[in-house]
Amino acid sequence: MRTWMRRLLVYWLPCLIVAGGLGALGFVETWPIKQLRLAGLDFLQRTWPLELPSGQPTAVVVLDIDEASLARYGQWPWPRVMLADIVTRAQAAGAQVVAMDIAFPEPDRIDPDQLARYLGPLPSEVRERLMALPNGDEAFAAALKQGRTVIGSLGHEHAAISTSKRHLVAFSGPPARQLIPQLPAIVGSLPMLENAATGVGVTTLFPGDGVVRCLPQVFGHAGNFYSRLELEILRVLSGRASIVVRTNQAGIQDVFISPQMNLPTDASGCLWPRYPAHIPIPRISLNRFLEDPAVGAQLKNRIVLLGVTAAGVRNPWLTPLGSEYAVLATAWVVEAILRGQVLNRPNTSNTVEAFLTLIAALLAAVLVGVLRGRWPLVAGIAAAAAAFGVSAWAFLGYGFLFDGFVPALAALGMSAIAPVLWRFSTKPAVNIDAAG
C-alpha cells in the first residue's frame, strides 16, 4: 500500500472520526460534561472580572435593612405601616422606581384585626380603640399605588398554594415556550398589594450546584408566564405594558423591553450577568435614611431597591466570584443591564462549542502529524491553548460566553490518541509471499 494512502486510512481518517466524536460533546448535557463546561465559563469570569471606572455614579441604590436598622426599629418583618412610610419617603425623595425583592403573601401580623384575633377577648373600649388604628396592608397598598413600584413573588414546590396572578409576557417567533423553566407554584402577595404595585417579579433562582451564573428571565406556571424581578423593574422604568420574548429556530433569542433595552439570553431565556470583583452599588442604611432627611437626596432619579443584609435574615447569592448579598446582586444585575454590561451566550452556543471542540481536536492531530508523532504533549498543549484562547478572545473582545475547557480537554485527548495512530501509519507494510 502506498505511504500516503496508508497514512490517510490509518491516521487521518481515524483522527477525523475521533475529532467528530469529541465535537459531539458540545451537544452533550451529561453531568461531567456540564460541570466541565460550567467550570470553563466560571474561569473566564474569575480570571477577568469586570473592571469598572472608579467614581462612576450608579442608576441603582440599595436601601439596606442592616443590623443598625434592626437594632433601631426592631426585628424583621416590620409592620406594613412602616414599609408604607419608607416607600412614601423614597418616592418623595425622587426615586424613579421603588422595588422590593420581598413577597407579602399573608396579612400584616400586627394589623388591628390580626392583633384582636391574637389577643383574644378584649374590653369593648380597648377593642374599639384597637380597630381605629390604621390598617397596615391598606396603608402599604396606598403607598405602592402612589408611584412606580415593584414587589416580589417566588416559586414554590407545592402547587396548591399558588397565589400570584400577574403575568405580562408576550412571545414573538417560533414556539419555544417548552424551554422556559416551569414552577409548580408561584407565591405572590396579597391581591390588594399586587393590584396596587406597578409590577410583580419572580425572585426564584435555579442554581443547580448553588452558583448563580445565569438568571431565568421568564418562568412558566399553569400555562401563564411571569417575568423576573429585575426584568419587571426595567419594564416599569421604561413604562411598557409588557415584555416580549423573541424566539428563533434555535430557541429563545432575547427579551425585548424597549428599543433601548434588549436583553440577550441563552436558548432557555437565561441572562448571564458579568460580575465585577466588587459590586459598586451604594448601600444606604434605612436607619440613616429614616433619621436624616438629607440622605434622601441620594435617591433622586435612581432606582431604589429595598432589601435585607442583616445577619440571620439575609439571603446570600453565590456567584462565580464568591458570595454576595442577594439584594446587592439583584441591584447589580439591574445596573449591568442599564450599562449594557451583560454577557452574550446565544442560543447557538452548543453548536459553536461543538465546532470549537472539533477544530481543537483536529488541530492537535495536525500538530502531531507535523511533529511526526514526537512531542505529542507539546502538540496537545498548543491546540488546547489555541482553543481556550478563542474562548478568551470572544469573552474579552466581544462579551460572548463560550466554554474553552471541553475543547481544550478534547485537544489533549487527541494528543494522547494521535501518536498511537501515527506509529501504525508509519509501520512498513508486511508482504507475505506464497512459496510453491
Protein backbone atom coordinates (compact mmCIF):
# COMPACT_ATOMS: atom_id res chain seq x y z
CA MET A 1 0.00 0.00 0.00
CA ARG A 2 1.34 3.42 -0.87
CA THR A 3 2.54 5.51 2.06
CA TRP A 4 0.08 8.39 1.54
CA MET A 5 -2.86 6.01 1.24
CA ARG A 6 -1.83 4.13 4.37
CA ARG A 7 -1.47 7.41 6.30
CA LEU A 8 -4.87 8.58 5.09
CA LEU A 9 -6.61 5.36 6.14
CA VAL A 10 -4.68 4.59 9.32
CA TYR A 11 -4.06 8.10 10.67
CA TRP A 12 -6.16 10.90 9.18
CA LEU A 13 -9.46 9.05 8.81
CA PRO A 14 -9.44 7.69 12.40
CA CYS A 15 -8.37 11.11 13.69
CA LEU A 16 -11.29 12.69 11.84
CA ILE A 17 -13.70 10.15 13.32
CA VAL A 18 -12.33 10.70 16.84
CA ALA A 19 -12.50 14.50 16.38
CA GLY A 20 -16.10 14.21 15.23
CA GLY A 21 -16.96 12.19 18.31
CA LEU A 22 -15.26 14.72 20.55
CA GLY A 23 -17.04 17.55 18.74
CA ALA A 24 -20.36 15.92 19.55
CA LEU A 25 -19.58 16.61 23.21
CA GLY A 26 -20.75 20.16 22.51
CA PHE A 27 -24.30 18.82 22.42
CA VAL A 28 -23.95 16.52 25.43
CA GLU A 29 -25.61 17.54 28.71
CA THR A 30 -24.39 14.71 30.96
CA TRP A 31 -23.30 15.77 34.44
CA PRO A 32 -19.47 15.52 33.91
CA ILE A 33 -19.54 17.43 30.63
CA LYS A 34 -21.91 20.04 32.03
CA GLN A 35 -19.69 20.58 35.07
CA LEU A 36 -16.59 20.92 32.89
CA ARG A 37 -18.41 23.45 30.72
CA LEU A 38 -19.57 25.48 33.72
CA ALA A 39 -16.03 25.38 35.14
CA GLY A 40 -14.77 26.87 31.88
CA LEU A 41 -17.36 29.64 31.97
CA ASP A 42 -16.59 30.38 35.64
CA PHE A 43 -12.86 30.51 34.87
CA LEU A 44 -13.44 33.32 32.40
CA GLN A 45 -15.37 35.40 34.95
CA ARG A 46 -12.86 34.76 37.75
CA THR A 47 -9.80 35.43 35.63
CA TRP A 48 -11.14 38.59 34.01
CA PRO A 49 -13.76 40.14 36.33
CA LEU A 50 -15.43 43.26 35.03
CA GLU A 51 -13.33 46.36 35.64
CA LEU A 52 -15.35 49.47 36.39
CA PRO A 53 -14.13 53.08 36.38
CA SER A 54 -13.95 54.43 39.90
CA GLY A 55 -16.39 57.11 40.94
CA GLN A 56 -18.93 56.41 38.19
CA PRO A 57 -22.45 57.12 39.52
CA THR A 58 -24.92 54.26 39.53
CA ALA A 59 -28.55 54.20 38.44
CA VAL A 60 -29.44 51.88 41.34
CA VAL A 61 -29.14 52.36 45.09
CA VAL A 62 -29.95 49.91 47.90
CA LEU A 63 -31.93 50.90 50.97
CA ASP A 64 -30.36 48.48 53.38
CA ILE A 65 -32.21 46.84 56.27
CA ASP A 66 -28.98 46.18 58.14
CA GLU A 67 -28.09 45.39 61.76
CA ALA A 68 -28.27 49.06 62.75
CA SER A 69 -31.78 49.34 61.29
CA LEU A 70 -32.99 46.24 63.15
CA ALA A 71 -31.43 47.48 66.37
CA ARG A 72 -33.30 50.78 65.99
CA TYR A 73 -36.70 49.59 64.70
CA GLY A 74 -36.99 46.01 65.87
CA GLN A 75 -36.95 42.55 64.33
CA TRP A 76 -37.89 41.78 60.76
CA PRO A 77 -40.52 41.72 59.30
CA TRP A 78 -41.55 45.24 60.10
CA PRO A 79 -45.17 46.48 60.25
CA ARG A 80 -46.64 47.30 56.85
CA VAL A 81 -47.40 50.85 58.01
CA MET A 82 -43.67 51.32 58.41
CA LEU A 83 -43.00 49.90 54.94
CA ALA A 84 -45.65 52.29 53.62
CA ASP A 85 -43.76 55.17 55.23
CA ILE A 86 -40.47 54.03 53.68
CA VAL A 87 -41.99 53.75 50.21
CA THR A 88 -43.68 57.15 50.53
CA ARG A 89 -40.46 58.82 51.67
CA ALA A 90 -38.44 57.21 48.86
CA GLN A 91 -40.97 58.42 46.30
CA ALA A 92 -40.94 61.90 47.82
CA ALA A 93 -37.13 61.89 47.55
CA GLY A 94 -37.43 61.48 43.78
CA ALA A 95 -36.87 57.74 43.29
CA GLN A 96 -37.71 56.62 39.75
CA VAL A 97 -38.78 53.12 40.84
CA VAL A 98 -39.05 51.65 44.34
CA ALA A 99 -38.63 47.86 44.32
CA MET A 100 -38.52 45.12 46.94
CA ASP A 101 -37.25 41.57 46.49
CA ILE A 102 -39.87 40.52 49.04
CA ALA A 103 -43.30 38.87 48.73
CA PHE A 104 -46.16 39.62 51.13
CA PRO A 105 -48.48 36.58 50.87
CA GLU A 106 -50.06 36.94 54.32
CA PRO A 107 -51.82 39.81 56.11
CA ASP A 108 -49.74 42.06 58.35
CA ARG A 109 -49.48 40.22 61.65
CA ILE A 110 -49.99 43.43 63.65
CA ASP A 111 -52.97 44.79 61.73
CA PRO A 112 -55.79 45.70 64.14
CA ASP A 113 -57.95 42.72 63.17
CA GLN A 114 -54.99 40.33 63.38
CA LEU A 115 -53.99 41.66 66.81
CA ALA A 116 -57.55 41.34 68.05
CA ARG A 117 -57.51 37.70 67.00
CA TYR A 118 -54.20 37.01 68.73
CA LEU A 119 -55.11 38.82 71.95
CA GLY A 120 -58.44 37.06 72.42
CA PRO A 121 -61.38 38.62 74.29
CA LEU A 122 -60.87 42.32 74.99
CA PRO A 123 -62.92 45.00 76.73
CA SER A 124 -65.14 46.76 74.21
CA GLU A 125 -63.41 50.11 74.70
CA VAL A 126 -59.97 48.59 74.08
CA ARG A 127 -61.25 46.74 71.01
CA GLU A 128 -62.77 49.94 69.60
CA ARG A 129 -59.50 51.84 70.03
CA LEU A 130 -57.57 48.95 68.53
CA MET A 131 -59.81 48.74 65.47
CA ALA A 132 -59.49 52.51 64.98
CA LEU A 133 -55.76 52.11 64.29
CA PRO A 134 -54.69 52.27 60.62
CA ASN A 135 -54.71 49.02 58.66
CA GLY A 136 -51.13 48.24 57.63
CA ASP A 137 -51.95 46.45 54.40
CA GLU A 138 -54.27 49.23 53.26
CA ALA A 139 -51.61 51.85 54.05
CA PHE A 140 -48.94 49.83 52.25
CA ALA A 141 -51.17 49.36 49.19
CA ALA A 142 -51.88 53.08 49.07
CA ALA A 143 -48.14 53.84 49.18
CA LEU A 144 -47.40 51.30 46.42
CA LYS A 145 -50.08 52.87 44.23
CA GLN A 146 -48.65 56.39 44.55
CA GLY A 147 -45.69 55.78 42.24
CA ARG A 148 -43.81 53.20 40.20
CA THR A 149 -43.26 50.22 42.48
CA VAL A 150 -42.31 46.55 42.13
CA ILE A 151 -42.73 43.78 44.71
CA GLY A 152 -41.55 40.18 44.64
CA SER A 153 -43.06 36.74 44.20
CA LEU A 154 -41.36 33.37 44.48
CA GLY A 155 -41.58 29.85 43.17
CA HIS A 156 -42.82 27.12 45.46
CA GLU A 157 -42.77 23.34 45.25
CA HIS A 158 -46.39 22.90 46.36
CA ALA A 159 -48.81 23.70 43.55
CA ALA A 160 -51.75 24.02 45.94
CA ILE A 161 -50.59 27.39 47.29
CA SER A 162 -50.17 29.29 44.03
CA THR A 163 -51.36 32.87 44.52
CA SER A 164 -49.70 35.29 42.07
CA LYS A 165 -51.93 36.49 39.23
CA ARG A 166 -49.60 38.93 37.44
CA HIS A 167 -48.27 37.74 34.09
CA LEU A 168 -47.31 40.35 31.50
CA VAL A 169 -45.27 38.32 28.99
CA ALA A 170 -45.80 38.06 25.22
CA PHE A 171 -43.99 35.90 22.64
CA SER A 172 -42.76 36.60 19.13
CA GLY A 173 -41.35 33.94 16.80
CA PRO A 174 -41.41 30.14 16.52
CA PRO A 175 -42.79 28.19 19.52
CA ALA A 176 -40.19 27.85 22.28
CA ARG A 177 -42.28 28.00 25.43
CA GLN A 178 -41.26 24.47 26.39
CA LEU A 179 -37.70 25.75 27.00
CA ILE A 180 -38.80 28.15 29.74
CA PRO A 181 -38.29 26.95 33.36
CA GLN A 182 -41.55 25.78 34.90
CA LEU A 183 -42.58 26.33 38.52
CA PRO A 184 -45.05 24.09 40.37
CA ALA A 185 -46.45 27.22 42.03
CA ILE A 186 -45.79 30.94 42.28
CA VAL A 187 -46.43 32.56 45.63
CA GLY A 188 -47.26 36.22 45.27
CA SER A 189 -48.51 38.89 47.64
CA LEU A 190 -51.97 39.74 48.87
CA PRO A 191 -54.22 40.68 45.91
CA MET A 192 -54.59 44.16 47.43
CA LEU A 193 -50.82 44.66 47.24
CA GLU A 194 -50.31 43.04 43.82
CA ASN A 195 -53.04 45.20 42.33
CA ALA A 196 -51.52 48.34 43.86
CA ALA A 197 -47.94 47.70 42.72
CA THR A 198 -46.92 48.64 39.18
CA GLY A 199 -45.06 45.36 38.77
CA VAL A 200 -44.58 41.95 40.37
CA GLY A 201 -41.40 39.97 39.65
CA VAL A 202 -40.25 36.46 40.49
CA THR A 203 -37.13 36.22 42.68
CA THR A 204 -36.56 32.46 42.39
CA LEU A 205 -33.11 31.17 41.37
CA PHE A 206 -32.19 27.93 39.61
CA PRO A 207 -28.54 27.31 40.59
CA GLY A 208 -28.16 23.54 40.20
CA ASP A 209 -24.84 23.50 42.03
CA GLY A 210 -25.51 26.58 44.16
CA VAL A 211 -23.71 29.08 41.89
CA VAL A 212 -25.81 31.87 40.35
CA ARG A 213 -24.32 32.13 36.86
CA CYS A 214 -27.43 32.94 34.90
CA LEU A 215 -30.89 34.20 35.77
CA PRO A 216 -34.05 32.92 34.05
CA GLN A 217 -35.91 35.99 32.85
CA VAL A 218 -39.27 34.29 32.40
CA PHE A 219 -40.95 31.48 34.33
CA GLY A 220 -43.90 29.32 33.37
CA HIS A 221 -46.72 28.11 35.58
CA ALA A 222 -50.12 26.64 34.69
CA GLY A 223 -49.95 27.97 31.13
CA ASN A 224 -49.03 31.51 32.20
CA PHE A 225 -45.63 33.21 32.08
CA TYR A 226 -44.13 35.51 34.68
CA SER A 227 -41.13 37.84 34.43
CA ARG A 228 -38.20 38.03 36.79
CA LEU A 229 -37.89 40.83 39.37
CA GLU A 230 -35.02 42.62 37.60
CA LEU A 231 -36.92 42.43 34.33
CA GLU A 232 -40.05 43.84 35.95
CA ILE A 233 -38.06 46.73 37.42
CA LEU A 234 -36.81 47.64 33.95
CA ARG A 235 -40.25 47.19 32.39
CA VAL A 236 -41.74 49.56 34.94
CA LEU A 237 -38.88 52.01 34.44
CA SER A 238 -39.49 52.03 30.68
CA GLY A 239 -43.24 52.48 31.09
CA ARG A 240 -44.03 49.43 28.92
CA ALA A 241 -47.17 47.40 29.49
CA SER A 242 -45.44 44.04 28.86
CA ILE A 243 -42.21 42.41 27.78
CA VAL A 244 -41.71 40.31 24.64
CA VAL A 245 -39.76 37.05 24.50
CA ARG A 246 -38.36 36.74 20.97
CA THR A 247 -37.51 33.31 19.60
CA ASN A 248 -35.99 31.68 16.53
CA GLN A 249 -35.49 28.09 15.41
CA ALA A 250 -32.64 27.58 17.91
CA GLY A 251 -34.73 28.63 20.93
CA ILE A 252 -35.14 31.88 22.83
CA GLN A 253 -33.13 34.68 21.28
CA ASP A 254 -33.64 37.65 23.59
CA VAL A 255 -36.10 39.53 25.78
CA PHE A 256 -37.34 42.82 24.39
CA ILE A 257 -38.37 45.59 26.78
CA SER A 258 -37.84 48.64 24.62
CA PRO A 259 -35.58 49.65 21.71
CA GLN A 260 -33.07 50.82 24.32
CA MET A 261 -33.33 47.67 26.45
CA ASN A 262 -32.94 44.40 24.61
CA LEU A 263 -31.59 41.58 26.79
CA PRO A 264 -29.58 38.77 25.17
CA THR A 265 -30.35 35.37 26.67
CA ASP A 266 -29.39 31.77 26.11
CA ALA A 267 -31.75 29.26 24.49
CA SER A 268 -33.78 28.82 27.71
CA GLY A 269 -34.17 32.55 28.38
CA CYS A 270 -31.37 32.90 30.95
CA LEU A 271 -29.48 36.18 31.28
CA TRP A 272 -25.75 35.83 32.08
CA PRO A 273 -24.52 38.84 34.11
CA ARG A 274 -20.85 39.78 34.08
CA TYR A 275 -19.75 40.30 37.66
CA PRO A 276 -17.16 42.80 38.90
CA ALA A 277 -14.73 41.95 41.69
CA HIS A 278 -16.54 44.49 43.87
CA ILE A 279 -20.16 45.46 43.26
CA PRO A 280 -20.24 49.28 43.22
CA ILE A 281 -23.90 49.73 44.21
CA PRO A 282 -24.25 52.22 47.12
CA ARG A 283 -25.89 50.87 50.27
CA ILE A 284 -27.79 53.32 52.47
CA SER A 285 -28.77 52.10 55.90
CA LEU A 286 -32.50 52.50 56.43
CA ASN A 287 -31.68 53.74 59.89
CA ARG A 288 -29.83 56.71 58.35
CA PHE A 289 -32.48 57.28 55.69
CA LEU A 290 -35.29 57.48 58.24
CA GLU A 291 -33.35 59.57 60.76
CA ASP A 292 -31.57 62.05 58.45
CA PRO A 293 -33.73 63.82 55.82
CA ALA A 294 -30.61 64.91 53.92
CA VAL A 295 -29.84 61.29 52.99
CA GLY A 296 -32.92 61.23 50.76
CA ALA A 297 -31.10 63.34 48.18
CA GLN A 298 -29.08 60.23 47.23
CA LEU A 299 -32.29 58.58 45.93
CA LYS A 300 -33.21 61.28 43.42
CA ASN A 301 -33.67 59.95 39.87
CA ARG A 302 -32.47 56.50 40.87
CA ILE A 303 -33.94 53.02 41.10
CA VAL A 304 -34.28 52.20 44.80
CA LEU A 305 -34.13 48.56 45.86
CA LEU A 306 -35.21 47.76 49.41
CA GLY A 307 -33.65 44.62 50.88
CA VAL A 308 -32.20 42.90 53.92
CA THR A 309 -28.50 42.34 54.67
CA ALA A 310 -28.76 41.90 58.45
CA ALA A 311 -27.25 38.68 59.79
CA GLY A 312 -29.77 35.90 60.30
CA VAL A 313 -32.22 37.39 57.80
CA ARG A 314 -30.20 37.98 54.65
CA ASN A 315 -30.27 35.62 51.70
CA PRO A 316 -26.86 35.38 50.01
CA TRP A 317 -26.09 34.57 46.38
CA LEU A 318 -23.05 32.51 45.47
CA THR A 319 -21.73 33.96 42.20
CA PRO A 320 -18.72 32.76 40.16
CA LEU A 321 -16.70 35.40 42.06
CA GLY A 322 -17.91 34.50 45.57
CA SER A 323 -20.75 35.15 48.00
CA GLU A 324 -22.78 38.36 47.80
CA TYR A 325 -25.89 39.80 49.44
CA ALA A 326 -28.95 38.89 47.38
CA VAL A 327 -30.27 42.46 47.32
CA LEU A 328 -26.88 43.80 46.23
CA ALA A 329 -26.50 41.18 43.49
CA THR A 330 -30.04 41.90 42.28
CA ALA A 331 -29.24 45.61 42.18
CA TRP A 332 -26.08 44.88 40.18
CA VAL A 333 -28.00 42.86 37.59
CA VAL A 334 -30.31 45.84 37.00
CA GLU A 335 -27.32 48.19 36.85
CA ALA A 336 -25.42 45.90 34.47
CA ILE A 337 -28.37 45.72 32.08
CA LEU A 338 -28.68 49.50 32.05
CA ARG A 339 -24.94 49.82 31.38
CA GLY A 340 -25.00 47.14 28.67
CA GLN A 341 -22.56 45.00 30.65
CA VAL A 342 -24.21 41.61 30.40
CA LEU A 343 -22.68 38.63 28.63
CA ASN A 344 -23.99 37.13 25.42
CA ARG A 345 -24.43 33.37 25.43
CA PRO A 346 -26.52 32.95 22.29
CA ASN A 347 -28.88 30.06 21.63
CA THR A 348 -26.32 28.69 19.17
CA SER A 349 -23.68 28.26 21.90
CA ASN A 350 -23.80 24.46 21.80
CA THR A 351 -23.14 24.48 18.05
CA VAL A 352 -20.28 26.95 18.42
CA GLU A 353 -18.71 24.93 21.25
CA ALA A 354 -19.11 21.67 19.28
CA PHE A 355 -17.35 23.26 16.29
CA LEU A 356 -14.60 24.65 18.52
CA THR A 357 -14.10 21.20 20.08
CA LEU A 358 -13.89 19.59 16.63
CA ILE A 359 -11.35 22.14 15.40
CA ALA A 360 -9.24 21.84 18.59
CA ALA A 361 -9.07 18.06 18.25
CA LEU A 362 -8.18 18.29 14.55
CA LEU A 363 -5.53 20.91 15.29
CA ALA A 364 -3.95 18.56 17.82
CA ALA A 365 -3.95 15.79 15.21
CA VAL A 366 -2.37 18.09 12.62
CA LEU A 367 0.35 19.20 15.06
CA VAL A 368 1.13 15.59 15.99
CA GLY A 369 1.44 14.84 12.27
CA VAL A 370 3.66 17.87 11.66
CA LEU A 371 5.88 16.76 14.54
CA ARG A 372 5.82 13.23 13.07
CA GLY A 373 4.49 11.69 16.24
CA ARG A 374 7.09 13.26 18.53
CA TRP A 375 6.36 15.58 21.46
CA PRO A 376 2.60 14.84 21.44
CA LEU A 377 2.13 16.66 24.74
CA VAL A 378 3.51 19.84 23.15
CA ALA A 379 1.03 19.43 20.30
CA GLY A 380 -1.84 18.87 22.72
CA ILE A 381 -0.97 21.85 24.90
CA ALA A 382 -0.61 24.11 21.86
CA ALA A 383 -4.01 23.06 20.48
CA ALA A 384 -5.64 23.36 23.93
CA ALA A 385 -4.16 26.84 24.38
CA ALA A 386 -5.48 27.86 20.97
CA ALA A 387 -8.98 26.62 21.84
CA PHE A 388 -9.06 28.42 25.15
CA GLY A 389 -7.53 31.49 23.51
CA VAL A 390 -10.50 31.68 21.13
CA SER A 391 -12.85 31.47 24.13
CA ALA A 392 -10.97 34.23 25.99
CA TRP A 393 -10.82 36.41 22.86
CA ALA A 394 -14.59 36.16 22.37
CA PHE A 395 -15.15 36.92 26.07
CA LEU A 396 -12.80 39.89 26.40
CA GLY A 397 -13.30 41.39 22.97
CA TYR A 398 -16.99 40.91 22.33
CA GLY A 399 -18.67 39.77 25.56
CA PHE A 400 -19.52 36.31 24.21
CA LEU A 401 -19.50 33.44 26.67
CA PHE A 402 -18.24 30.19 25.15
CA ASP A 403 -16.63 27.33 27.04
CA GLY A 404 -12.96 26.68 26.37
CA PHE A 405 -12.41 23.83 28.83
CA VAL A 406 -14.11 20.99 26.91
CA PRO A 407 -12.39 21.93 23.60
CA ALA A 408 -9.04 22.14 25.42
CA LEU A 409 -9.53 18.72 27.00
CA ALA A 410 -10.56 17.31 23.62
CA ALA A 411 -7.28 18.60 22.17
CA LEU A 412 -5.31 16.94 24.98
CA GLY A 413 -7.26 13.72 24.47
CA MET A 414 -6.48 13.73 20.76
CA SER A 415 -2.80 14.32 21.55
CA ALA A 416 -2.83 11.04 23.51
CA ILE A 417 -4.56 9.05 20.75
CA ALA A 418 -2.91 10.53 17.66
CA PRO A 419 0.70 9.32 18.35
CA VAL A 420 -0.51 5.72 18.51
CA LEU A 421 -2.28 6.09 15.17
CA TRP A 422 0.79 7.81 13.72
CA ARG A 423 3.04 4.89 14.68
CA PHE A 424 0.67 2.45 13.00
CA SER A 425 0.57 4.62 9.88
CA THR A 426 4.36 4.70 9.57
CA LYS A 427 4.98 0.97 10.00
CA PRO A 428 6.06 -0.67 6.76
CA ALA A 429 3.50 -2.95 5.16
CA VAL A 430 4.22 -6.64 5.62
CA ASN A 431 4.28 -8.65 2.36
CA ILE A 432 3.67 -12.38 2.65
CA ASP A 433 4.97 -14.29 -0.37
CA ALA A 434 3.43 -17.61 -1.08
CA ALA A 435 6.04 -20.27 -1.74
CA GLY A 436 5.07 -23.14 -4.01
